């Protein structure tokens, strides 16, 4: 082999590496160019308004730079009360959705695909109706002269109409109905992806149906359950329409407090402080969920 051929063979990997590096840089530049409109739109829609709210929260009513809007959140009991109410409602609604949604989704996942597809249409059907319309429908059903109280009275279970709306119970019922599909959809996808051979293998090894479910099926469905739980809890923290109508002014959440602070008192600084704190609390909750559920939670990975 001559010296020229040796030099050519030694320089070939170097030339190939340079060519691959140049191709990679061109591909990265092309990808950035394709993503640039979406990145700019995200900057305009999300980061600029959040930055503007954060800036407004740092000024008092006189326009002076101050932390009064944040100290007010700690000093006034009404803010602490609404903060607690927000988390109490969010935890209760999330728990109800998990209790109702997991058995429902498990039943759907065991159906043949054609029947499951038809059944999933009824899960998605409420999305075609406005949240406001569904909330007013629950007001009609649960009011003192509504269907539920009429049935309970006719069956002799109660002697007088029960208070089912304009309280904590009414808010939980209305929000659970609205948010339940957000748990069913990711959980159904997770359950459908589970290979049924794992269940058969567990039963062949001596596990009964209950043991196979809890030791094999349930752990494999946890990523979908975690994703739905995180999604519902985060949506609950900023929910407005349903708690406003179903709570009847007796259950005040932070989103409602922000609206009243702006509409009644025109205090943008205080409302901005509420929004900033709620955003930080939501991010902290997402981080906590990510640490608790680990790498299995696709929702927390995507949101963080």
C-alpha atoms as a PDB file:
ATOM      1  CA  UNK A   1       0.000   0.000   0.000  1.00  0.00           C
ATOM      2  CA  UNK A   2       1.445   3.364  -1.019  1.00  0.00           C
ATOM      3  CA  UNK A   3       1.842   6.455   1.181  1.00  0.00           C
ATOM      4  CA  UNK A   4      -0.814   8.316  -0.829  1.00  0.00           C
ATOM      5  CA  UNK A   5      -3.398   5.622  -0.201  1.00  0.00           C
ATOM      6  CA  UNK A   6      -2.519   5.582   3.505  1.00  0.00           C
ATOM      7  CA  UNK A   7      -2.962   9.353   3.769  1.00  0.00           C
ATOM      8  CA  UNK A   8      -6.285   9.117   1.945  1.00  0.00           C
ATOM      9  CA  UNK A   9      -7.549   6.380   4.274  1.00  0.00           C
ATOM     10  CA  UNK A  10      -6.486   8.388   7.336  1.00  0.00           C
ATOM     11  CA  UNK A  11      -8.179  11.586   6.175  1.00  0.00           C
ATOM     12  CA  UNK A  12     -11.449   9.910   5.106  1.00  0.00           C
ATOM     13  CA  UNK A  13     -12.920   9.632   8.643  1.00  0.00           C
ATOM     14  CA  UNK A  14     -11.981  13.264   9.310  1.00  0.00           C
ATOM     15  CA  UNK A  15     -13.705  14.419   6.112  1.00  0.00           C
ATOM     16  CA  UNK A  16     -16.759  12.330   6.891  1.00  0.00           C
ATOM     17  CA  UNK A  17     -16.905  13.777  10.416  1.00  0.00           C
ATOM     18  CA  UNK A  18     -16.749  17.334   9.067  1.00  0.00           C
ATOM     19  CA  UNK A  19     -19.472  16.585   6.538  1.00  0.00           C
ATOM     20  CA  UNK A  20     -21.707  15.058   9.203  1.00  0.00           C
ATOM     21  CA  UNK A  21     -21.076  18.031  11.497  1.00  0.00           C
ATOM     22  CA  UNK A  22     -21.991  20.487   8.751  1.00  0.00           C
ATOM     23  CA  UNK A  23     -25.151  18.509   7.946  1.00  0.00           C
ATOM     24  CA  UNK A  24     -26.079  18.471  11.619  1.00  0.00           C
ATOM     25  CA  UNK A  25     -25.627  22.255  11.865  1.00  0.00           C
ATOM     26  CA  UNK A  26     -27.762  22.803   8.779  1.00  0.00           C
ATOM     27  CA  UNK A  27     -30.473  20.527  10.161  1.00  0.00           C
ATOM     28  CA  UNK A  28     -30.393  22.337  13.508  1.00  0.00           C
ATOM     29  CA  UNK A  29     -30.655  25.725  11.792  1.00  0.00           C
ATOM     30  CA  UNK A  30     -33.569  24.450   9.685  1.00  0.00           C
ATOM     31  CA  UNK A  31     -35.308  23.115  12.787  1.00  0.00           C
ATOM     32  CA  UNK A  32     -34.869  26.439  14.585  1.00  0.00           C
ATOM     33  CA  UNK A  33     -36.264  28.244  11.558  1.00  0.00           C
ATOM     34  CA  UNK A  34     -39.305  25.970  11.467  1.00  0.00           C
ATOM     35  CA  UNK A  35     -39.911  26.362  15.217  1.00  0.00           C
ATOM     36  CA  UNK A  36     -39.271  30.118  15.259  1.00  0.00           C
ATOM     37  CA  UNK A  37     -42.915  31.184  14.565  1.00  0.00           C
ATOM     38  CA  UNK A  38     -44.207  28.907  17.346  1.00  0.00           C
ATOM     39  CA  UNK A  39     -41.519  30.126  19.755  1.00  0.00           C
ATOM     40  CA  UNK A  40     -42.316  33.762  18.984  1.00  0.00           C
ATOM     41  CA  UNK A  41     -46.043  33.106  19.409  1.00  0.00           C
ATOM     42  CA  UNK A  42     -45.373  31.405  22.772  1.00  0.00           C
ATOM     43  CA  UNK A  43     -43.270  34.370  23.842  1.00  0.00           C
ATOM     44  CA  UNK A  44     -45.999  36.831  22.910  1.00  0.00           C
ATOM     45  CA  UNK A  45     -48.926  34.867  24.374  1.00  0.00           C
ATOM     46  CA  UNK A  46     -47.378  33.487  27.576  1.00  0.00           C
ATOM     47  CA  UNK A  47     -44.143  35.059  28.686  1.00  0.00           C
ATOM     48  CA  UNK A  48     -44.895  38.702  27.922  1.00  0.00           C
ATOM     49  CA  UNK A  49     -48.280  38.736  29.788  1.00  0.00           C
ATOM     50  CA  UNK A  50     -46.770  36.845  32.745  1.00  0.00           C
ATOM     51  CA  UNK A  51     -43.872  39.272  32.848  1.00  0.00           C
ATOM     52  CA  UNK A  52     -46.274  42.201  32.679  1.00  0.00           C
ATOM     53  CA  UNK A  53     -48.347  40.837  35.574  1.00  0.00           C
ATOM     54  CA  UNK A  54     -45.198  40.233  37.602  1.00  0.00           C
ATOM     55  CA  UNK A  55     -44.148  43.833  36.967  1.00  0.00           C
ATOM     56  CA  UNK A  56     -47.563  45.222  38.001  1.00  0.00           C
ATOM     57  CA  UNK A  57     -47.518  43.232  41.237  1.00  0.00           C
ATOM     58  CA  UNK A  58     -44.447  45.145  42.414  1.00  0.00           C
ATOM     59  CA  UNK A  59     -46.247  48.519  42.612  1.00  0.00           C
ATOM     60  CA  UNK A  60     -48.751  49.772  45.186  1.00  0.00           C
ATOM     61  CA  UNK A  61     -51.861  51.867  44.579  1.00  0.00           C
ATOM     62  CA  UNK A  62     -49.793  55.068  44.425  1.00  0.00           C
ATOM     63  CA  UNK A  63     -47.520  53.630  41.752  1.00  0.00           C
ATOM     64  CA  UNK A  64     -44.550  53.244  44.079  1.00  0.00           C
ATOM     65  CA  UNK A  65     -42.301  50.223  44.044  1.00  0.00           C
ATOM     66  CA  UNK A  66     -43.424  48.115  47.013  1.00  0.00           C
ATOM     67  CA  UNK A  67     -44.069  44.554  48.227  1.00  0.00           C
ATOM     68  CA  UNK A  68     -47.398  45.534  49.795  1.00  0.00           C
ATOM     69  CA  UNK A  69     -49.367  43.368  47.334  1.00  0.00           C
ATOM     70  CA  UNK A  70     -47.515  40.280  48.532  1.00  0.00           C
ATOM     71  CA  UNK A  71     -47.520  41.093  52.235  1.00  0.00           C
ATOM     72  CA  UNK A  72     -51.288  41.621  52.016  1.00  0.00           C
ATOM     73  CA  UNK A  73     -51.684  37.984  50.946  1.00  0.00           C
ATOM     74  CA  UNK A  74     -50.131  36.835  54.212  1.00  0.00           C
ATOM     75  CA  UNK A  75     -51.551  39.449  56.578  1.00  0.00           C
ATOM     76  CA  UNK A  76     -55.215  39.386  55.543  1.00  0.00           C
ATOM     77  CA  UNK A  77     -57.129  36.247  56.632  1.00  0.00           C
ATOM     78  CA  UNK A  78     -59.485  36.429  53.637  1.00  0.00           C
ATOM     79  CA  UNK A  79     -56.656  35.665  51.215  1.00  0.00           C
ATOM     80  CA  UNK A  80     -55.477  32.738  53.326  1.00  0.00           C
ATOM     81  CA  UNK A  81     -59.048  31.436  53.499  1.00  0.00           C
ATOM     82  CA  UNK A  82     -59.477  31.533  49.722  1.00  0.00           C
ATOM     83  CA  UNK A  83     -56.059  29.918  49.288  1.00  0.00           C
ATOM     84  CA  UNK A  84     -57.092  27.034  51.547  1.00  0.00           C
ATOM     85  CA  UNK A  85     -60.469  26.749  49.796  1.00  0.00           C
ATOM     86  CA  UNK A  86     -58.712  26.515  46.419  1.00  0.00           C
ATOM     87  CA  UNK A  87     -56.580  23.584  47.549  1.00  0.00           C
ATOM     88  CA  UNK A  88     -59.407  21.872  49.400  1.00  0.00           C
ATOM     89  CA  UNK A  89     -61.616  21.954  46.310  1.00  0.00           C
ATOM     90  CA  UNK A  90     -58.741  20.890  44.033  1.00  0.00           C
ATOM     91  CA  UNK A  91     -57.823  17.919  46.229  1.00  0.00           C
ATOM     92  CA  UNK A  92     -61.466  16.849  46.646  1.00  0.00           C
ATOM     93  CA  UNK A  93     -62.230  17.079  42.907  1.00  0.00           C
ATOM     94  CA  UNK A  94     -59.039  15.204  42.009  1.00  0.00           C
ATOM     95  CA  UNK A  95     -59.884  12.438  44.489  1.00  0.00           C
ATOM     96  CA  UNK A  96     -63.457  12.110  43.193  1.00  0.00           C
ATOM     97  CA  UNK A  97     -62.250  11.955  39.579  1.00  0.00           C
ATOM     98  CA  UNK A  98     -59.718   9.238  40.446  1.00  0.00           C
ATOM     99  CA  UNK A  99     -62.299   7.199  42.379  1.00  0.00           C
ATOM    100  CA  UNK A 100     -64.860   7.437  39.580  1.00  0.00           C
ATOM    101  CA  UNK A 101     -62.527   7.530  36.612  1.00  0.00           C
ATOM    102  CA  UNK A 102     -60.260   4.556  37.283  1.00  0.00           C
ATOM    103  CA  UNK A 103     -63.020   1.871  37.386  1.00  0.00           C
ATOM    104  CA  UNK A 104     -64.730   3.491  34.397  1.00  0.00           C
ATOM    105  CA  UNK A 105     -61.520   3.547  32.374  1.00  0.00           C
ATOM    106  CA  UNK A 106     -60.669  -0.016  33.375  1.00  0.00           C
ATOM    107  CA  UNK A 107     -64.068  -1.172  32.130  1.00  0.00           C
ATOM    108  CA  UNK A 108     -63.546   0.677  28.842  1.00  0.00           C
ATOM    109  CA  UNK A 109     -60.079  -0.824  28.406  1.00  0.00           C
ATOM    110  CA  UNK A 110     -61.484  -4.359  28.737  1.00  0.00           C
ATOM    111  CA  UNK A 111     -64.078  -3.878  26.003  1.00  0.00           C
ATOM    112  CA  UNK A 112     -63.397  -4.823  22.386  1.00  0.00           C
ATOM    113  CA  UNK A 113     -61.916  -1.914  20.473  1.00  0.00           C
ATOM    114  CA  UNK A 114     -65.083  -1.247  18.482  1.00  0.00           C
ATOM    115  CA  UNK A 115     -67.297  -1.183  21.575  1.00  0.00           C
ATOM    116  CA  UNK A 116     -64.678   0.848  23.486  1.00  0.00           C
ATOM    117  CA  UNK A 117     -64.571   3.400  20.669  1.00  0.00           C
ATOM    118  CA  UNK A 118     -68.340   3.827  20.821  1.00  0.00           C
ATOM    119  CA  UNK A 119     -68.239   4.134  24.613  1.00  0.00           C
ATOM    120  CA  UNK A 120     -65.429   6.703  24.429  1.00  0.00           C
ATOM    121  CA  UNK A 121     -67.694   8.887  22.308  1.00  0.00           C
ATOM    122  CA  UNK A 122     -69.924   9.348  25.364  1.00  0.00           C
ATOM    123  CA  UNK A 123     -66.858  10.361  27.389  1.00  0.00           C
ATOM    124  CA  UNK A 124     -65.847  12.959  24.797  1.00  0.00           C
ATOM    125  CA  UNK A 125     -69.433  14.116  24.151  1.00  0.00           C
ATOM    126  CA  UNK A 126     -69.470  16.672  27.025  1.00  0.00           C
ATOM    127  CA  UNK A 127     -66.637  18.569  25.288  1.00  0.00           C
ATOM    128  CA  UNK A 128     -69.139  19.516  22.601  1.00  0.00           C
ATOM    129  CA  UNK A 129     -71.192  21.419  25.165  1.00  0.00           C
ATOM    130  CA  UNK A 130     -70.136  24.644  26.840  1.00  0.00           C
ATOM    131  CA  UNK A 131     -68.935  24.449  30.438  1.00  0.00           C
ATOM    132  CA  UNK A 132     -71.412  27.201  31.271  1.00  0.00           C
ATOM    133  CA  UNK A 133     -74.337  25.171  29.896  1.00  0.00           C
ATOM    134  CA  UNK A 134     -73.268  22.041  31.799  1.00  0.00           C
ATOM    135  CA  UNK A 135     -72.915  24.022  35.016  1.00  0.00           C
ATOM    136  CA  UNK A 136     -76.387  25.517  34.682  1.00  0.00           C
ATOM    137  CA  UNK A 137     -77.723  22.020  33.988  1.00  0.00           C
ATOM    138  CA  UNK A 138     -76.276  20.849  37.318  1.00  0.00           C
ATOM    139  CA  UNK A 139     -77.894  23.843  39.018  1.00  0.00           C
ATOM    140  CA  UNK A 140     -81.275  22.740  37.650  1.00  0.00           C
ATOM    141  CA  UNK A 141     -80.701  19.109  38.674  1.00  0.00           C
ATOM    142  CA  UNK A 142     -79.402  19.806  42.200  1.00  0.00           C
ATOM    143  CA  UNK A 143     -81.516  22.793  43.256  1.00  0.00           C
ATOM    144  CA  UNK A 144     -84.054  22.507  46.075  1.00  0.00           C
ATOM    145  CA  UNK A 145     -86.843  21.732  43.616  1.00  0.00           C
ATOM    146  CA  UNK A 146     -84.603  19.839  41.233  1.00  0.00           C
ATOM    147  CA  UNK A 147     -84.670  16.248  40.038  1.00  0.00           C
ATOM    148  CA  UNK A 148     -82.410  14.820  42.729  1.00  0.00           C
ATOM    149  CA  UNK A 149     -84.326  16.339  45.635  1.00  0.00           C
ATOM    150  CA  UNK A 150     -87.655  15.319  44.091  1.00  0.00           C
ATOM    151  CA  UNK A 151     -86.474  11.702  43.744  1.00  0.00           C
ATOM    152  CA  UNK A 152     -85.039  11.565  47.261  1.00  0.00           C
ATOM    153  CA  UNK A 153     -88.241  13.039  48.703  1.00  0.00           C
ATOM    154  CA  UNK A 154     -90.521  10.700  46.731  1.00  0.00           C
ATOM    155  CA  UNK A 155     -88.472   7.690  47.884  1.00  0.00           C
ATOM    156  CA  UNK A 156     -88.818   8.830  51.484  1.00  0.00           C
ATOM    157  CA  UNK A 157     -85.060   9.127  52.025  1.00  0.00           C
ATOM    158  CA  UNK A 158     -85.309  12.781  53.089  1.00  0.00           C
ATOM    159  CA  UNK A 159     -88.140  14.782  54.605  1.00  0.00           C
ATOM    160  CA  UNK A 160     -87.068  18.156  53.230  1.00  0.00           C
ATOM    161  CA  UNK A 161     -84.924  19.219  50.249  1.00  0.00           C
ATOM    162  CA  UNK A 162     -81.180  18.850  50.786  1.00  0.00           C
ATOM    163  CA  UNK A 163     -78.768  21.698  50.136  1.00  0.00           C
ATOM    164  CA  UNK A 164     -76.812  20.339  47.151  1.00  0.00           C
ATOM    165  CA  UNK A 165     -75.758  23.593  45.462  1.00  0.00           C
ATOM    166  CA  UNK A 166     -74.241  26.902  46.537  1.00  0.00           C
ATOM    167  CA  UNK A 167     -71.853  25.067  48.854  1.00  0.00           C
ATOM    168  CA  UNK A 168     -68.667  22.977  48.811  1.00  0.00           C
ATOM    169  CA  UNK A 169     -70.521  19.827  47.735  1.00  0.00           C
ATOM    170  CA  UNK A 170     -72.079  21.523  44.726  1.00  0.00           C
ATOM    171  CA  UNK A 171     -68.718  22.879  43.574  1.00  0.00           C
ATOM    172  CA  UNK A 172     -67.106  19.426  43.828  1.00  0.00           C
ATOM    173  CA  UNK A 173     -69.970  17.770  41.912  1.00  0.00           C
ATOM    174  CA  UNK A 174     -69.938  20.323  39.105  1.00  0.00           C
ATOM    175  CA  UNK A 175     -66.163  20.437  38.707  1.00  0.00           C
ATOM    176  CA  UNK A 176     -65.831  16.641  38.870  1.00  0.00           C
ATOM    177  CA  UNK A 177     -68.285  16.277  35.996  1.00  0.00           C
ATOM    178  CA  UNK A 178     -66.427  18.839  33.900  1.00  0.00           C
ATOM    179  CA  UNK A 179     -62.923  17.493  34.584  1.00  0.00           C
ATOM    180  CA  UNK A 180     -63.521  13.734  34.664  1.00  0.00           C
ATOM    181  CA  UNK A 181     -62.757  13.239  30.916  1.00  0.00           C
ATOM    182  CA  UNK A 182     -59.306  14.764  31.463  1.00  0.00           C
ATOM    183  CA  UNK A 183     -58.492  11.743  33.636  1.00  0.00           C
ATOM    184  CA  UNK A 184     -60.198   9.116  31.497  1.00  0.00           C
ATOM    185  CA  UNK A 185     -58.449  10.013  28.231  1.00  0.00           C
ATOM    186  CA  UNK A 186     -54.770   9.670  29.299  1.00  0.00           C
ATOM    187  CA  UNK A 187     -55.575   6.760  31.594  1.00  0.00           C
ATOM    188  CA  UNK A 188     -57.382   4.913  28.800  1.00  0.00           C
ATOM    189  CA  UNK A 189     -54.382   5.327  26.491  1.00  0.00           C
ATOM    190  CA  UNK A 190     -52.095   3.976  29.220  1.00  0.00           C
ATOM    191  CA  UNK A 191     -54.325   0.981  29.943  1.00  0.00           C
ATOM    192  CA  UNK A 192     -54.761   0.113  26.268  1.00  0.00           C
ATOM    193  CA  UNK A 193     -50.981   0.072  25.854  1.00  0.00           C
ATOM    194  CA  UNK A 194     -50.567  -2.631  28.530  1.00  0.00           C
ATOM    195  CA  UNK A 195     -49.746  -5.983  26.963  1.00  0.00           C
ATOM    196  CA  UNK A 196     -52.348  -8.522  28.089  1.00  0.00           C
ATOM    197  CA  UNK A 197     -49.702 -11.255  27.924  1.00  0.00           C
ATOM    198  CA  UNK A 198     -48.332  -9.888  31.205  1.00  0.00           C
ATOM    199  CA  UNK A 199     -51.660 -10.639  32.910  1.00  0.00           C
ATOM    200  CA  UNK A 200     -51.795 -14.126  31.387  1.00  0.00           C
ATOM    201  CA  UNK A 201     -48.209 -14.796  32.456  1.00  0.00           C
ATOM    202  CA  UNK A 202     -49.000 -13.746  36.025  1.00  0.00           C
ATOM    203  CA  UNK A 203     -52.053 -16.010  36.144  1.00  0.00           C
ATOM    204  CA  UNK A 204     -50.056 -18.903  34.658  1.00  0.00           C
ATOM    205  CA  UNK A 205     -47.581 -18.446  37.503  1.00  0.00           C
ATOM    206  CA  UNK A 206     -50.361 -18.914  40.043  1.00  0.00           C
ATOM    207  CA  UNK A 207     -51.670 -15.373  40.624  1.00  0.00           C
ATOM    208  CA  UNK A 208     -55.423 -14.957  40.893  1.00  0.00           C
ATOM    209  CA  UNK A 209     -57.331 -12.233  39.028  1.00  0.00           C
ATOM    210  CA  UNK A 210     -57.083  -9.838  41.972  1.00  0.00           C
ATOM    211  CA  UNK A 211     -53.356 -10.435  42.504  1.00  0.00           C
ATOM    212  CA  UNK A 212     -52.664 -10.105  38.763  1.00  0.00           C
ATOM    213  CA  UNK A 213     -54.504  -6.794  38.705  1.00  0.00           C
ATOM    214  CA  UNK A 214     -52.791  -5.221  41.726  1.00  0.00           C
ATOM    215  CA  UNK A 215     -49.310  -6.611  41.087  1.00  0.00           C
ATOM    216  CA  UNK A 216     -49.153  -6.284  37.295  1.00  0.00           C
ATOM    217  CA  UNK A 217     -51.938  -4.205  35.708  1.00  0.00           C
ATOM    218  CA  UNK A 218     -52.233  -1.431  38.287  1.00  0.00           C
ATOM    219  CA  UNK A 219     -48.480  -0.571  38.429  1.00  0.00           C
ATOM    220  CA  UNK A 220     -48.343  -0.456  34.630  1.00  0.00           C
ATOM    221  CA  UNK A 221     -51.305   1.943  34.530  1.00  0.00           C
ATOM    222  CA  UNK A 222     -49.729   4.400  36.988  1.00  0.00           C
ATOM    223  CA  UNK A 223     -48.136   6.641  34.300  1.00  0.00           C
ATOM    224  CA  UNK A 224     -51.568   7.376  32.800  1.00  0.00           C
ATOM    225  CA  UNK A 225     -53.103   7.808  36.245  1.00  0.00           C
ATOM    226  CA  UNK A 226     -50.336  10.222  37.231  1.00  0.00           C
ATOM    227  CA  UNK A 227     -50.767  12.226  34.023  1.00  0.00           C
ATOM    228  CA  UNK A 228     -54.529  12.553  34.511  1.00  0.00           C
ATOM    229  CA  UNK A 229     -54.190  13.396  38.205  1.00  0.00           C
ATOM    230  CA  UNK A 230     -51.681  16.160  37.551  1.00  0.00           C
ATOM    231  CA  UNK A 231     -53.779  17.573  34.712  1.00  0.00           C
ATOM    232  CA  UNK A 232     -56.965  17.705  36.792  1.00  0.00           C
ATOM    233  CA  UNK A 233     -55.266  19.175  39.864  1.00  0.00           C
ATOM    234  CA  UNK A 234     -53.608  21.953  37.849  1.00  0.00           C
ATOM    235  CA  UNK A 235     -56.866  22.782  36.056  1.00  0.00           C
ATOM    236  CA  UNK A 236     -58.691  22.926  39.397  1.00  0.00           C
ATOM    237  CA  UNK A 237     -56.298  25.528  40.782  1.00  0.00           C
ATOM    238  CA  UNK A 238     -57.356  28.078  38.179  1.00  0.00           C
ATOM    239  CA  UNK A 239     -60.991  27.060  37.619  1.00  0.00           C
ATOM    240  CA  UNK A 240     -63.500  29.911  37.570  1.00  0.00           C
ATOM    241  CA  UNK A 241     -66.890  29.354  35.908  1.00  0.00           C
ATOM    242  CA  UNK A 242     -68.159  26.273  37.745  1.00  0.00           C
ATOM    243  CA  UNK A 243     -67.131  27.265  41.311  1.00  0.00           C
ATOM    244  CA  UNK A 244     -68.576  30.744  40.729  1.00  0.00           C
ATOM    245  CA  UNK A 245     -72.015  29.384  39.816  1.00  0.00           C
ATOM    246  CA  UNK A 246     -72.146  26.224  41.923  1.00  0.00           C
ATOM    247  CA  UNK A 247     -70.616  27.907  44.978  1.00  0.00           C
ATOM    248  CA  UNK A 248     -73.120  30.732  45.024  1.00  0.00           C
ATOM    249  CA  UNK A 249     -70.565  33.094  46.585  1.00  0.00           C
ATOM    250  CA  UNK A 250     -69.984  30.784  49.560  1.00  0.00           C
ATOM    251  CA  UNK A 251     -66.944  29.013  48.098  1.00  0.00           C
ATOM    252  CA  UNK A 252     -64.332  31.524  46.937  1.00  0.00           C
ATOM    253  CA  UNK A 253     -61.293  30.316  45.012  1.00  0.00           C
ATOM    254  CA  UNK A 254     -58.288  32.368  44.000  1.00  0.00           C
ATOM    255  CA  UNK A 255     -59.382  32.773  40.377  1.00  0.00           C
ATOM    256  CA  UNK A 256     -62.651  34.264  41.631  1.00  0.00           C
ATOM    257  CA  UNK A 257     -60.741  36.520  44.047  1.00  0.00           C
ATOM    258  CA  UNK A 258     -58.586  37.813  41.204  1.00  0.00           C
ATOM    259  CA  UNK A 259     -61.671  38.626  39.126  1.00  0.00           C
ATOM    260  CA  UNK A 260     -63.366  40.491  41.980  1.00  0.00           C
ATOM    261  CA  UNK A 261     -60.165  42.397  42.801  1.00  0.00           C
ATOM    262  CA  UNK A 262     -60.060  43.759  39.256  1.00  0.00           C
ATOM    263  CA  UNK A 263     -63.775  44.219  38.545  1.00  0.00           C
ATOM    264  CA  UNK A 264     -64.833  45.631  41.928  1.00  0.00           C
ATOM    265  CA  UNK A 265     -61.711  47.405  43.182  1.00  0.00           C
ATOM    266  CA  UNK A 266     -59.734  47.947  39.950  1.00  0.00           C
ATOM    267  CA  UNK A 267     -56.602  46.935  41.857  1.00  0.00           C
ATOM    268  CA  UNK A 268     -54.405  45.425  39.184  1.00  0.00           C
ATOM    269  CA  UNK A 269     -51.402  45.184  41.500  1.00  0.00           C
ATOM    270  CA  UNK A 270     -53.175  42.983  44.042  1.00  0.00           C
ATOM    271  CA  UNK A 271     -54.742  40.839  41.320  1.00  0.00           C
ATOM    272  CA  UNK A 272     -51.358  40.449  39.622  1.00  0.00           C
ATOM    273  CA  UNK A 273     -49.790  39.342  42.906  1.00  0.00           C
ATOM    274  CA  UNK A 274     -52.507  36.722  43.269  1.00  0.00           C
ATOM    275  CA  UNK A 275     -51.823  35.474  39.752  1.00  0.00           C
ATOM    276  CA  UNK A 276     -48.056  35.347  40.259  1.00  0.00           C
ATOM    277  CA  UNK A 277     -48.370  33.441  43.544  1.00  0.00           C
ATOM    278  CA  UNK A 278     -50.872  31.014  42.008  1.00  0.00           C
ATOM    279  CA  UNK A 279     -48.500  30.433  39.084  1.00  0.00           C
ATOM    280  CA  UNK A 280     -45.581  29.759  41.426  1.00  0.00           C
ATOM    281  CA  UNK A 281     -47.685  27.401  43.543  1.00  0.00           C
ATOM    282  CA  UNK A 282     -48.791  25.541  40.406  1.00  0.00           C
ATOM    283  CA  UNK A 283     -45.190  25.139  39.237  1.00  0.00           C
ATOM    284  CA  UNK A 284     -44.208  23.934  42.717  1.00  0.00           C
ATOM    285  CA  UNK A 285     -47.018  21.368  42.642  1.00  0.00           C
ATOM    286  CA  UNK A 286     -45.896  20.168  39.211  1.00  0.00           C
ATOM    287  CA  UNK A 287     -42.342  19.794  40.467  1.00  0.00           C
ATOM    288  CA  UNK A 288     -43.594  17.873  43.502  1.00  0.00           C
ATOM    289  CA  UNK A 289     -45.674  15.579  41.300  1.00  0.00           C
ATOM    290  CA  UNK A 290     -42.655  14.994  39.072  1.00  0.00           C
ATOM    291  CA  UNK A 291     -40.548  13.998  42.062  1.00  0.00           C
ATOM    292  CA  UNK A 292     -43.267  11.759  43.502  1.00  0.00           C
ATOM    293  CA  UNK A 293     -44.221   9.977  40.286  1.00  0.00           C
ATOM    294  CA  UNK A 294     -40.704   9.976  38.838  1.00  0.00           C
ATOM    295  CA  UNK A 295     -40.065   9.417  35.162  1.00  0.00           C
ATOM    296  CA  UNK A 296     -43.463   7.777  34.692  1.00  0.00           C
ATOM    297  CA  UNK A 297     -45.449  10.999  34.640  1.00  0.00           C
ATOM    298  CA  UNK A 298     -45.560  12.217  31.055  1.00  0.00           C
ATOM    299  CA  UNK A 299     -47.711  15.189  32.043  1.00  0.00           C
ATOM    300  CA  UNK A 300     -45.234  16.572  34.558  1.00  0.00           C
ATOM    301  CA  UNK A 301     -42.325  16.051  32.179  1.00  0.00           C
ATOM    302  CA  UNK A 302     -44.160  17.927  29.439  1.00  0.00           C
ATOM    303  CA  UNK A 303     -45.329  20.803  31.654  1.00  0.00           C
ATOM    304  CA  UNK A 304     -41.972  21.271  33.359  1.00  0.00           C
END
